[in-house]
Amino acid sequence: MPGRFQRRIGALLEPYIYLSPAIVLIALVMFVPLVIGISFAFQDYTLISSTAPSWIGLTNFESLMSDRRFWGAARNTLFWTVSSVSLQFFLGLGLALLLNRPFFGRRIVQALVLLPWAVPGFLTGLTWAWLFNPIIGPISHWMVALGLFEQPDNLLADPQNAIWGPVIANVWFGVPFFAVTLLAALQSIPDELYEAGAMDGASLWQSFTKITLPYLAPMIAITVLLRTIWVANFADLVFIMTGGGPANSTQILPNYIFTTAFRKLDFGYASAVSVVLLLLLLLYAAVLLRMRQTLVKI
């Protein structure tokens, strides 16, 4: 009996022994910095301070409640994320539906669709900042030619509309992700379902709503989840194109965290903002994953 029990324990532990190097590496690279970063949120950790870091409990979080810049950045982050992901999804879905139909040169077009996704975010931000430039960029001059502007104007310098500049750049950058993933899901739908629907007299809209969307629903849920988390943490475009201005009108939480930590050198307060963003994204992920499980069961 002892020998059998030991063999059973050894069989249970064997996979974890083989995985232990990877588990240790992941813990060192991910979880240890995460724990240290969260601990900063409960400390007075300012590099320019002459005193050593000290525990202050929830003081940093209490300061957030009256921080106008934090709440402004939170509103901008919500608008930035919702508008970017929504436009990326609908444009990506439309592009996937088009690419799912056979036509001459489809493989080449599919390869070209991936090009924006392959461009680094830094270069994307520089390119779109140049495009919106009223002197050397073409977009403002096109708007004048279409009668939308009276004279070439810099969209990125308008506090009321500046956020749309990074949103447009982000949509251009992120549409390929939805297009490619949804196209793969579309190609996995059996053709027999559409043939059966056609025999029953289903219209194109009915086939789309009764066949295509139900099959795409689990993939839509996971792609929207991933893209939302990425966009909510994606500070490159905003930082490069506007730097959070003008007048903090494009300041989002990732940028606010960066400027607080590396310009004000207040790592404690920046960590508190990071923890709030982390909790919001975890809550969002839990809700969306719950919805995905419901869709899979249906």
C-alpha atoms as a PDB file:
ATOM      1  CA  MET A   1       0.000   0.000   0.000  1.00  0.00           C
ATOM      2  CA  PRO A   2       2.708   2.592   0.822  1.00  0.00           C
ATOM      3  CA  GLY A   3       4.420   1.839  -2.495  1.00  0.00           C
ATOM      4  CA  ARG A   4       1.181   2.225  -4.458  1.00  0.00           C
ATOM      5  CA  PHE A   5       0.384   5.463  -2.635  1.00  0.00           C
ATOM      6  CA  GLN A   6       3.854   6.848  -3.389  1.00  0.00           C
ATOM      7  CA  ARG A   7       3.555   5.926  -7.064  1.00  0.00           C
ATOM      8  CA  ARG A   8       0.187   7.633  -7.250  1.00  0.00           C
ATOM      9  CA  ILE A   9       1.578  10.787  -5.636  1.00  0.00           C
ATOM     10  CA  GLY A  10       4.574  10.645  -7.987  1.00  0.00           C
ATOM     11  CA  ALA A  11       2.264  10.325 -11.009  1.00  0.00           C
ATOM     12  CA  LEU A  12       0.281  13.351  -9.847  1.00  0.00           C
ATOM     13  CA  LEU A  13       3.369  15.475  -9.236  1.00  0.00           C
ATOM     14  CA  GLU A  14       5.296  14.421 -12.349  1.00  0.00           C
ATOM     15  CA  PRO A  15       3.717  16.958 -14.763  1.00  0.00           C
ATOM     16  CA  TYR A  16       4.304  19.791 -12.302  1.00  0.00           C
ATOM     17  CA  ILE A  17       7.935  18.749 -11.856  1.00  0.00           C
ATOM     18  CA  TYR A  18       8.458  18.984 -15.611  1.00  0.00           C
ATOM     19  CA  LEU A  19       6.676  22.348 -15.673  1.00  0.00           C
ATOM     20  CA  SER A  20       8.454  23.737 -12.629  1.00  0.00           C
ATOM     21  CA  PRO A  21      11.176  25.648 -14.581  1.00  0.00           C
ATOM     22  CA  ALA A  22       8.517  27.441 -16.643  1.00  0.00           C
ATOM     23  CA  ILE A  23       6.366  28.086 -13.553  1.00  0.00           C
ATOM     24  CA  VAL A  24       9.331  29.553 -11.666  1.00  0.00           C
ATOM     25  CA  LEU A  25      10.263  31.716 -14.665  1.00  0.00           C
ATOM     26  CA  ILE A  26       6.696  33.023 -15.049  1.00  0.00           C
ATOM     27  CA  ALA A  27       6.525  33.759 -11.325  1.00  0.00           C
ATOM     28  CA  LEU A  28       9.798  35.688 -11.418  1.00  0.00           C
ATOM     29  CA  VAL A  29       8.962  37.628 -14.590  1.00  0.00           C
ATOM     30  CA  MET A  30       5.243  38.323 -14.011  1.00  0.00           C
ATOM     31  CA  PHE A  31       3.943  37.744 -10.520  1.00  0.00           C
ATOM     32  CA  VAL A  32       6.851  39.078  -8.479  1.00  0.00           C
ATOM     33  CA  PRO A  33       6.881  42.470 -10.298  1.00  0.00           C
ATOM     34  CA  LEU A  34       3.066  42.533 -10.052  1.00  0.00           C
ATOM     35  CA  VAL A  35       3.128  42.069  -6.283  1.00  0.00           C
ATOM     36  CA  ILE A  36       5.887  44.647  -5.872  1.00  0.00           C
ATOM     37  CA  GLY A  37       4.017  47.121  -8.088  1.00  0.00           C
ATOM     38  CA  ILE A  38       0.787  46.686  -6.130  1.00  0.00           C
ATOM     39  CA  SER A  39       2.673  47.164  -2.863  1.00  0.00           C
ATOM     40  CA  PHE A  40       3.896  50.567  -4.098  1.00  0.00           C
ATOM     41  CA  ALA A  41       0.246  51.730  -4.179  1.00  0.00           C
ATOM     42  CA  PHE A  42       0.161  51.554  -0.376  1.00  0.00           C
ATOM     43  CA  GLN A  43       3.421  53.457   0.107  1.00  0.00           C
ATOM     44  CA  ASP A  44       4.638  57.033  -0.042  1.00  0.00           C
ATOM     45  CA  TYR A  45       7.195  56.221  -2.725  1.00  0.00           C
ATOM     46  CA  THR A  46       8.546  59.396  -4.333  1.00  0.00           C
ATOM     47  CA  LEU A  47      12.064  59.392  -5.746  1.00  0.00           C
ATOM     48  CA  ILE A  48      12.572  63.124  -5.191  1.00  0.00           C
ATOM     49  CA  SER A  49      11.676  62.787  -1.512  1.00  0.00           C
ATOM     50  CA  SER A  50      14.501  62.861   1.011  1.00  0.00           C
ATOM     51  CA  THR A  51      12.731  60.297   3.209  1.00  0.00           C
ATOM     52  CA  ALA A  52      12.611  56.556   2.693  1.00  0.00           C
ATOM     53  CA  PRO A  53       9.405  54.953   1.304  1.00  0.00           C
ATOM     54  CA  SER A  54       6.858  54.355   4.052  1.00  0.00           C
ATOM     55  CA  TRP A  55       3.523  52.556   4.318  1.00  0.00           C
ATOM     56  CA  ILE A  56       0.567  54.941   4.222  1.00  0.00           C
ATOM     57  CA  GLY A  57      -2.301  52.490   3.695  1.00  0.00           C
ATOM     58  CA  LEU A  58      -5.136  53.739   1.482  1.00  0.00           C
ATOM     59  CA  THR A  59      -3.989  57.369   1.378  1.00  0.00           C
ATOM     60  CA  ASN A  60      -3.104  57.241  -2.321  1.00  0.00           C
ATOM     61  CA  PHE A  61      -6.528  55.827  -3.168  1.00  0.00           C
ATOM     62  CA  GLU A  62      -8.232  58.491  -1.066  1.00  0.00           C
ATOM     63  CA  SER A  63      -6.322  61.147  -3.013  1.00  0.00           C
ATOM     64  CA  LEU A  64      -7.673  59.699  -6.254  1.00  0.00           C
ATOM     65  CA  MET A  65     -11.227  60.513  -5.219  1.00  0.00           C
ATOM     66  CA  SER A  66     -10.525  64.267  -5.379  1.00  0.00           C
ATOM     67  CA  ASP A  67      -8.072  64.187  -8.297  1.00  0.00           C
ATOM     68  CA  ARG A  68      -9.700  65.952 -11.265  1.00  0.00           C
ATOM     69  CA  ARG A  69      -6.964  64.852 -13.648  1.00  0.00           C
ATOM     70  CA  PHE A  70      -7.560  61.233 -12.694  1.00  0.00           C
ATOM     71  CA  TRP A  71     -11.311  61.456 -13.322  1.00  0.00           C
ATOM     72  CA  GLY A  72     -10.730  63.319 -16.576  1.00  0.00           C
ATOM     73  CA  ALA A  73      -8.272  60.639 -17.690  1.00  0.00           C
ATOM     74  CA  ALA A  74     -10.787  57.948 -16.676  1.00  0.00           C
ATOM     75  CA  ARG A  75     -13.503  59.536 -18.849  1.00  0.00           C
ATOM     76  CA  ASN A  76     -11.087  59.894 -21.749  1.00  0.00           C
ATOM     77  CA  THR A  77     -10.014  56.266 -21.325  1.00  0.00           C
ATOM     78  CA  LEU A  78     -13.634  55.116 -21.460  1.00  0.00           C
ATOM     79  CA  PHE A  79     -14.306  57.109 -24.634  1.00  0.00           C
ATOM     80  CA  TRP A  80     -10.966  56.091 -26.182  1.00  0.00           C
ATOM     81  CA  THR A  81     -11.567  52.395 -25.501  1.00  0.00           C
ATOM     82  CA  VAL A  82     -15.256  52.159 -26.421  1.00  0.00           C
ATOM     83  CA  SER A  83     -14.994  54.204 -29.617  1.00  0.00           C
ATOM     84  CA  SER A  84     -11.797  52.486 -30.788  1.00  0.00           C
ATOM     85  CA  VAL A  85     -12.963  48.926 -30.119  1.00  0.00           C
ATOM     86  CA  SER A  86     -16.460  49.544 -31.526  1.00  0.00           C
ATOM     87  CA  LEU A  87     -15.193  51.009 -34.795  1.00  0.00           C
ATOM     88  CA  GLN A  88     -12.486  48.361 -35.103  1.00  0.00           C
ATOM     89  CA  PHE A  89     -15.011  45.586 -34.555  1.00  0.00           C
ATOM     90  CA  PHE A  90     -17.662  46.756 -37.029  1.00  0.00           C
ATOM     91  CA  LEU A  91     -15.133  47.649 -39.726  1.00  0.00           C
ATOM     92  CA  GLY A  92     -13.240  44.405 -39.108  1.00  0.00           C
ATOM     93  CA  LEU A  93     -16.442  42.358 -39.300  1.00  0.00           C
ATOM     94  CA  GLY A  94     -17.421  44.031 -42.567  1.00  0.00           C
ATOM     95  CA  LEU A  95     -13.962  43.449 -43.993  1.00  0.00           C
ATOM     96  CA  ALA A  96     -14.025  39.799 -42.887  1.00  0.00           C
ATOM     97  CA  LEU A  97     -17.396  39.279 -44.602  1.00  0.00           C
ATOM     98  CA  LEU A  98     -16.001  40.763 -47.815  1.00  0.00           C
ATOM     99  CA  LEU A  99     -12.813  38.681 -47.685  1.00  0.00           C
ATOM    100  CA  ASN A 100     -14.866  35.538 -47.059  1.00  0.00           C
ATOM    101  CA  ARG A 101     -16.305  35.796 -50.564  1.00  0.00           C
ATOM    102  CA  PRO A 102     -14.226  34.464 -53.480  1.00  0.00           C
ATOM    103  CA  PHE A 103     -12.814  37.064 -55.876  1.00  0.00           C
ATOM    104  CA  PHE A 104      -9.709  37.486 -57.997  1.00  0.00           C
ATOM    105  CA  GLY A 105      -6.629  38.355 -55.924  1.00  0.00           C
ATOM    106  CA  ARG A 106      -8.247  37.569 -52.576  1.00  0.00           C
ATOM    107  CA  ARG A 107      -5.037  36.082 -51.129  1.00  0.00           C
ATOM    108  CA  ILE A 108      -3.111  39.242 -51.976  1.00  0.00           C
ATOM    109  CA  VAL A 109      -5.789  41.440 -50.423  1.00  0.00           C
ATOM    110  CA  GLN A 110      -5.781  39.292 -47.273  1.00  0.00           C
ATOM    111  CA  ALA A 111      -2.023  39.788 -46.985  1.00  0.00           C
ATOM    112  CA  LEU A 112      -2.338  43.554 -47.499  1.00  0.00           C
ATOM    113  CA  VAL A 113      -5.004  43.771 -44.799  1.00  0.00           C
ATOM    114  CA  LEU A 114      -2.387  42.666 -42.254  1.00  0.00           C
ATOM    115  CA  LEU A 115       0.003  45.524 -43.043  1.00  0.00           C
ATOM    116  CA  PRO A 116      -1.352  48.072 -40.494  1.00  0.00           C
ATOM    117  CA  TRP A 117      -1.112  45.450 -37.739  1.00  0.00           C
ATOM    118  CA  ALA A 118       2.556  44.886 -38.614  1.00  0.00           C
ATOM    119  CA  VAL A 119       3.482  48.575 -38.284  1.00  0.00           C
ATOM    120  CA  PRO A 120       4.925  49.491 -34.850  1.00  0.00           C
ATOM    121  CA  GLY A 121       2.678  51.716 -32.761  1.00  0.00           C
ATOM    122  CA  PHE A 122       5.384  54.390 -32.513  1.00  0.00           C
ATOM    123  CA  LEU A 123       5.621  54.661 -36.299  1.00  0.00           C
ATOM    124  CA  THR A 124       1.825  54.636 -36.614  1.00  0.00           C
ATOM    125  CA  GLY A 125       1.563  57.585 -34.243  1.00  0.00           C
ATOM    126  CA  LEU A 126       4.225  59.590 -36.084  1.00  0.00           C
ATOM    127  CA  THR A 127       2.605  58.895 -39.460  1.00  0.00           C
ATOM    128  CA  TRP A 128      -0.888  59.936 -38.382  1.00  0.00           C
ATOM    129  CA  ALA A 129       0.425  63.016 -36.566  1.00  0.00           C
ATOM    130  CA  TRP A 130       1.999  64.034 -39.887  1.00  0.00           C
ATOM    131  CA  LEU A 131      -1.244  63.314 -41.762  1.00  0.00           C
ATOM    132  CA  PHE A 132      -3.193  65.609 -39.403  1.00  0.00           C
ATOM    133  CA  ASN A 133      -0.598  68.396 -39.626  1.00  0.00           C
ATOM    134  CA  PRO A 134      -2.332  71.411 -41.239  1.00  0.00           C
ATOM    135  CA  ILE A 135       0.814  72.574 -43.057  1.00  0.00           C
ATOM    136  CA  ILE A 136       2.382  69.439 -44.511  1.00  0.00           C
ATOM    137  CA  GLY A 137      -0.346  66.847 -43.902  1.00  0.00           C
ATOM    138  CA  PRO A 138      -3.046  66.131 -46.505  1.00  0.00           C
ATOM    139  CA  ILE A 139      -6.077  65.367 -44.283  1.00  0.00           C
ATOM    140  CA  SER A 140      -6.916  68.949 -43.273  1.00  0.00           C
ATOM    141  CA  HIS A 141      -6.619  70.064 -46.905  1.00  0.00           C
ATOM    142  CA  TRP A 142      -8.961  67.260 -47.966  1.00  0.00           C
ATOM    143  CA  MET A 143     -11.453  68.438 -45.356  1.00  0.00           C
ATOM    144  CA  VAL A 144     -11.286  71.945 -46.829  1.00  0.00           C
ATOM    145  CA  ALA A 145     -11.816  70.563 -50.327  1.00  0.00           C
ATOM    146  CA  LEU A 146     -14.886  68.641 -49.103  1.00  0.00           C
ATOM    147  CA  GLY A 147     -16.279  71.770 -47.478  1.00  0.00           C
ATOM    148  CA  LEU A 148     -15.993  70.410 -43.926  1.00  0.00           C
ATOM    149  CA  PHE A 149     -13.387  73.012 -42.866  1.00  0.00           C
ATOM    150  CA  GLU A 150     -13.144  76.645 -43.886  1.00  0.00           C
ATOM    151  CA  GLN A 151      -9.358  76.528 -43.690  1.00  0.00           C
ATOM    152  CA  PRO A 152      -6.710  73.901 -42.878  1.00  0.00           C
ATOM    153  CA  ASP A 153      -6.809  73.288 -39.139  1.00  0.00           C
ATOM    154  CA  ASN A 154      -4.950  70.973 -36.793  1.00  0.00           C
ATOM    155  CA  LEU A 155      -7.439  68.510 -35.341  1.00  0.00           C
ATOM    156  CA  LEU A 156      -4.935  67.500 -32.665  1.00  0.00           C
ATOM    157  CA  ALA A 157      -4.824  71.083 -31.314  1.00  0.00           C
ATOM    158  CA  ASP A 158      -8.587  71.308 -30.733  1.00  0.00           C
ATOM    159  CA  PRO A 159      -9.464  70.305 -27.136  1.00  0.00           C
ATOM    160  CA  GLN A 160     -13.005  69.392 -28.183  1.00  0.00           C
ATOM    161  CA  ASN A 161     -12.024  66.984 -30.964  1.00  0.00           C
ATOM    162  CA  ALA A 162      -8.362  66.112 -30.401  1.00  0.00           C
ATOM    163  CA  ILE A 163      -9.193  62.664 -29.015  1.00  0.00           C
ATOM    164  CA  TRP A 164     -10.536  61.662 -32.428  1.00  0.00           C
ATOM    165  CA  GLY A 165      -7.047  61.863 -33.927  1.00  0.00           C
ATOM    166  CA  PRO A 166      -5.599  58.969 -31.883  1.00  0.00           C
ATOM    167  CA  VAL A 167      -8.924  57.098 -32.174  1.00  0.00           C
ATOM    168  CA  ILE A 168      -8.768  57.217 -35.990  1.00  0.00           C
ATOM    169  CA  ALA A 169      -5.138  56.094 -35.941  1.00  0.00           C
ATOM    170  CA  ASN A 170      -6.003  53.287 -33.528  1.00  0.00           C
ATOM    171  CA  VAL A 171      -8.906  52.128 -35.707  1.00  0.00           C
ATOM    172  CA  TRP A 172      -6.596  51.946 -38.726  1.00  0.00           C
ATOM    173  CA  PHE A 173      -4.104  50.002 -36.626  1.00  0.00           C
ATOM    174  CA  GLY A 174      -6.567  47.559 -35.030  1.00  0.00           C
ATOM    175  CA  VAL A 175      -9.029  46.683 -37.811  1.00  0.00           C
ATOM    176  CA  PRO A 176      -6.764  43.883 -39.189  1.00  0.00           C
ATOM    177  CA  PHE A 177      -6.922  42.035 -35.850  1.00  0.00           C
ATOM    178  CA  PHE A 178     -10.712  41.719 -36.015  1.00  0.00           C
ATOM    179  CA  ALA A 179     -10.691  41.102 -39.766  1.00  0.00           C
ATOM    180  CA  VAL A 180      -8.269  38.168 -39.588  1.00  0.00           C
ATOM    181  CA  THR A 181      -9.716  36.502 -36.479  1.00  0.00           C
ATOM    182  CA  LEU A 182     -13.332  36.840 -37.612  1.00  0.00           C
ATOM    183  CA  LEU A 183     -12.423  35.674 -41.116  1.00  0.00           C
ATOM    184  CA  ALA A 184     -10.954  32.500 -39.637  1.00  0.00           C
ATOM    185  CA  ALA A 185     -14.168  31.966 -37.660  1.00  0.00           C
ATOM    186  CA  LEU A 186     -16.304  32.593 -40.756  1.00  0.00           C
ATOM    187  CA  GLN A 187     -14.395  30.010 -42.755  1.00  0.00           C
ATOM    188  CA  SER A 188     -15.090  27.389 -40.077  1.00  0.00           C
ATOM    189  CA  ILE A 189     -18.887  27.674 -40.494  1.00  0.00           C
ATOM    190  CA  PRO A 190     -20.180  24.676 -42.520  1.00  0.00           C
ATOM    191  CA  ASP A 191     -21.578  25.636 -45.931  1.00  0.00           C
ATOM    192  CA  GLU A 192     -24.365  23.102 -45.430  1.00  0.00           C
ATOM    193  CA  LEU A 193     -25.999  25.432 -42.913  1.00  0.00           C
ATOM    194  CA  TYR A 194     -26.305  28.211 -45.479  1.00  0.00           C
ATOM    195  CA  GLU A 195     -27.550  25.748 -48.101  1.00  0.00           C
ATOM    196  CA  ALA A 196     -30.215  24.483 -45.711  1.00  0.00           C
ATOM    197  CA  GLY A 197     -31.223  28.044 -44.891  1.00  0.00           C
ATOM    198  CA  ALA A 198     -31.506  28.904 -48.583  1.00  0.00           C
ATOM    199  CA  MET A 199     -33.699  25.877 -49.163  1.00  0.00           C
ATOM    200  CA  ASP A 200     -35.978  27.072 -46.332  1.00  0.00           C
ATOM    201  CA  GLY A 201     -36.233  30.482 -47.999  1.00  0.00           C
ATOM    202  CA  ALA A 202     -33.998  32.427 -45.592  1.00  0.00           C
ATOM    203  CA  SER A 203     -32.919  35.863 -46.793  1.00  0.00           C
ATOM    204  CA  LEU A 204     -29.318  37.115 -46.577  1.00  0.00           C
ATOM    205  CA  TRP A 205     -30.141  39.047 -43.411  1.00  0.00           C
ATOM    206  CA  GLN A 206     -31.782  36.019 -41.814  1.00  0.00           C
ATOM    207  CA  SER A 207     -28.792  33.838 -42.700  1.00  0.00           C
ATOM    208  CA  PHE A 208     -26.509  36.445 -41.140  1.00  0.00           C
ATOM    209  CA  THR A 209     -28.504  36.814 -37.915  1.00  0.00           C
ATOM    210  CA  LYS A 210     -29.530  33.154 -37.476  1.00  0.00           C
ATOM    211  CA  ILE A 211     -26.385  31.366 -38.673  1.00  0.00           C
ATOM    212  CA  THR A 212     -23.380  33.655 -38.949  1.00  0.00           C
ATOM    213  CA  LEU A 213     -23.721  35.679 -35.753  1.00  0.00           C
ATOM    214  CA  PRO A 214     -24.496  32.712 -33.432  1.00  0.00           C
ATOM    215  CA  TYR A 215     -21.396  30.897 -34.713  1.00  0.00           C
ATOM    216  CA  LEU A 216     -19.279  34.031 -34.412  1.00  0.00           C
ATOM    217  CA  ALA A 217     -20.546  34.986 -30.940  1.00  0.00           C
ATOM    218  CA  PRO A 218     -17.904  33.075 -28.882  1.00  0.00           C
ATOM    219  CA  MET A 219     -15.090  34.395 -31.093  1.00  0.00           C
ATOM    220  CA  ILE A 220     -16.510  37.923 -30.960  1.00  0.00           C
ATOM    221  CA  ALA A 221     -16.576  37.780 -27.157  1.00  0.00           C
ATOM    222  CA  ILE A 222     -12.945  36.717 -26.806  1.00  0.00           C
ATOM    223  CA  THR A 223     -11.609  39.101 -29.482  1.00  0.00           C
ATOM    224  CA  VAL A 224     -13.511  42.062 -28.023  1.00  0.00           C
ATOM    225  CA  LEU A 225     -12.187  41.125 -24.565  1.00  0.00           C
ATOM    226  CA  LEU A 226      -8.579  40.956 -25.712  1.00  0.00           C
ATOM    227  CA  ARG A 227      -8.748  44.088 -27.831  1.00  0.00           C
ATOM    228  CA  THR A 228     -10.442  46.088 -25.079  1.00  0.00           C
ATOM    229  CA  ILE A 229      -7.700  45.198 -22.608  1.00  0.00           C
ATOM    230  CA  TRP A 230      -4.998  46.046 -25.145  1.00  0.00           C
ATOM    231  CA  VAL A 231      -6.567  49.371 -26.136  1.00  0.00           C
ATOM    232  CA  ALA A 232      -7.197  50.402 -22.516  1.00  0.00           C
ATOM    233  CA  ASN A 233      -3.465  49.877 -21.851  1.00  0.00           C
ATOM    234  CA  PHE A 234      -2.239  51.220 -25.211  1.00  0.00           C
ATOM    235  CA  ALA A 235      -0.600  54.591 -24.542  1.00  0.00           C
ATOM    236  CA  ASP A 236       1.741  54.807 -27.543  1.00  0.00           C
ATOM    237  CA  LEU A 237      -0.541  56.598 -30.019  1.00  0.00           C
ATOM    238  CA  VAL A 238      -1.860  59.179 -27.556  1.00  0.00           C
ATOM    239  CA  PHE A 239       1.571  59.875 -26.116  1.00  0.00           C
ATOM    240  CA  ILE A 240       3.180  60.344 -29.541  1.00  0.00           C
ATOM    241  CA  MET A 241       0.370  62.232 -31.258  1.00  0.00           C
ATOM    242  CA  THR A 242      -0.808  64.599 -28.502  1.00  0.00           C
ATOM    243  CA  GLY A 243       1.152  63.883 -25.332  1.00  0.00           C
ATOM    244  CA  GLY A 244      -2.138  63.992 -23.442  1.00  0.00           C
ATOM    245  CA  GLY A 245      -2.947  67.540 -24.578  1.00  0.00           C
ATOM    246  CA  PRO A 246      -4.184  70.015 -25.384  1.00  0.00           C
ATOM    247  CA  ALA A 247      -5.284  70.898 -21.836  1.00  0.00           C
ATOM    248  CA  ASN A 248      -5.344  67.185 -20.865  1.00  0.00           C
ATOM    249  CA  SER A 249      -8.213  66.612 -23.330  1.00  0.00           C
ATOM    250  CA  THR A 250      -6.584  63.387 -24.583  1.00  0.00           C
ATOM    251  CA  GLN A 251      -5.013  62.257 -21.319  1.00  0.00           C
ATOM    252  CA  ILE A 252      -5.840  58.591 -20.681  1.00  0.00           C
ATOM    253  CA  LEU A 253      -5.001  56.498 -17.641  1.00  0.00           C
ATOM    254  CA  PRO A 254      -1.914  54.729 -19.087  1.00  0.00           C
ATOM    255  CA  ASN A 255      -0.451  58.125 -20.026  1.00  0.00           C
ATOM    256  CA  TYR A 256      -1.353  59.532 -16.613  1.00  0.00           C
ATOM    257  CA  ILE A 257       0.417  56.596 -14.958  1.00  0.00           C
ATOM    258  CA  PHE A 258       3.517  57.163 -17.105  1.00  0.00           C
ATOM    259  CA  THR A 259       3.731  60.896 -16.480  1.00  0.00           C
ATOM    260  CA  THR A 260       3.095  60.478 -12.744  1.00  0.00           C
ATOM    261  CA  ALA A 261       5.753  57.798 -12.383  1.00  0.00           C
ATOM    262  CA  PHE A 262       8.501  59.013 -14.701  1.00  0.00           C
ATOM    263  CA  ARG A 263       8.011  62.779 -14.761  1.00  0.00           C
ATOM    264  CA  LYS A 264       6.735  63.492 -11.261  1.00  0.00           C
ATOM    265  CA  LEU A 265       8.650  60.438  -9.969  1.00  0.00           C
ATOM    266  CA  ASP A 266       5.726  59.549  -7.696  1.00  0.00           C
ATOM    267  CA  PHE A 267       5.700  55.767  -7.987  1.00  0.00           C
ATOM    268  CA  GLY A 268       3.255  55.286  -5.122  1.00  0.00           C
ATOM    269  CA  TYR A 269       0.479  57.387  -6.646  1.00  0.00           C
ATOM    270  CA  ALA A 270       1.138  55.982 -10.129  1.00  0.00           C
ATOM    271  CA  SER A 271       0.832  52.457  -8.734  1.00  0.00           C
ATOM    272  CA  ALA A 272      -2.489  53.358  -7.114  1.00  0.00           C
ATOM    273  CA  VAL A 273      -3.838  54.497 -10.489  1.00  0.00           C
ATOM    274  CA  SER A 274      -2.496  51.277 -12.041  1.00  0.00           C
ATOM    275  CA  VAL A 275      -4.273  49.153  -9.430  1.00  0.00           C
ATOM    276  CA  VAL A 276      -7.568  50.918 -10.149  1.00  0.00           C
ATOM    277  CA  LEU A 277      -7.145  50.311 -13.887  1.00  0.00           C
ATOM    278  CA  LEU A 278      -6.243  46.673 -13.208  1.00  0.00           C
ATOM    279  CA  LEU A 279      -9.356  46.126 -11.081  1.00  0.00           C
ATOM    280  CA  LEU A 280     -11.619  47.722 -13.694  1.00  0.00           C
ATOM    281  CA  LEU A 281     -10.201  45.517 -16.450  1.00  0.00           C
ATOM    282  CA  LEU A 282     -10.485  42.387 -14.283  1.00  0.00           C
ATOM    283  CA  LEU A 283     -14.132  43.212 -13.580  1.00  0.00           C
ATOM    284  CA  TYR A 284     -14.783  43.787 -17.273  1.00  0.00           C
ATOM    285  CA  ALA A 285     -13.041  40.514 -18.194  1.00  0.00           C
ATOM    286  CA  ALA A 286     -15.056  38.552 -15.617  1.00  0.00           C
ATOM    287  CA  VAL A 287     -18.358  39.934 -16.927  1.00  0.00           C
ATOM    288  CA  LEU A 288     -17.483  39.312 -20.578  1.00  0.00           C
ATOM    289  CA  LEU A 289     -16.206  35.783 -19.927  1.00  0.00           C
ATOM    290  CA  ARG A 290     -19.417  35.038 -18.078  1.00  0.00           C
ATOM    291  CA  MET A 291     -21.373  36.267 -21.085  1.00  0.00           C
ATOM    292  CA  ARG A 292     -19.221  34.119 -23.365  1.00  0.00           C
ATOM    293  CA  GLN A 293     -19.983  31.002 -21.316  1.00  0.00           C
ATOM    294  CA  THR A 294     -23.683  31.775 -21.622  1.00  0.00           C
ATOM    295  CA  LEU A 295     -23.371  32.152 -25.410  1.00  0.00           C
ATOM    296  CA  VAL A 296     -21.491  28.854 -25.709  1.00  0.00           C
ATOM    297  CA  LYS A 297     -24.213  27.030 -23.780  1.00  0.00           C
ATOM    298  CA  ILE A 298     -26.884  28.533 -26.025  1.00  0.00           C
END
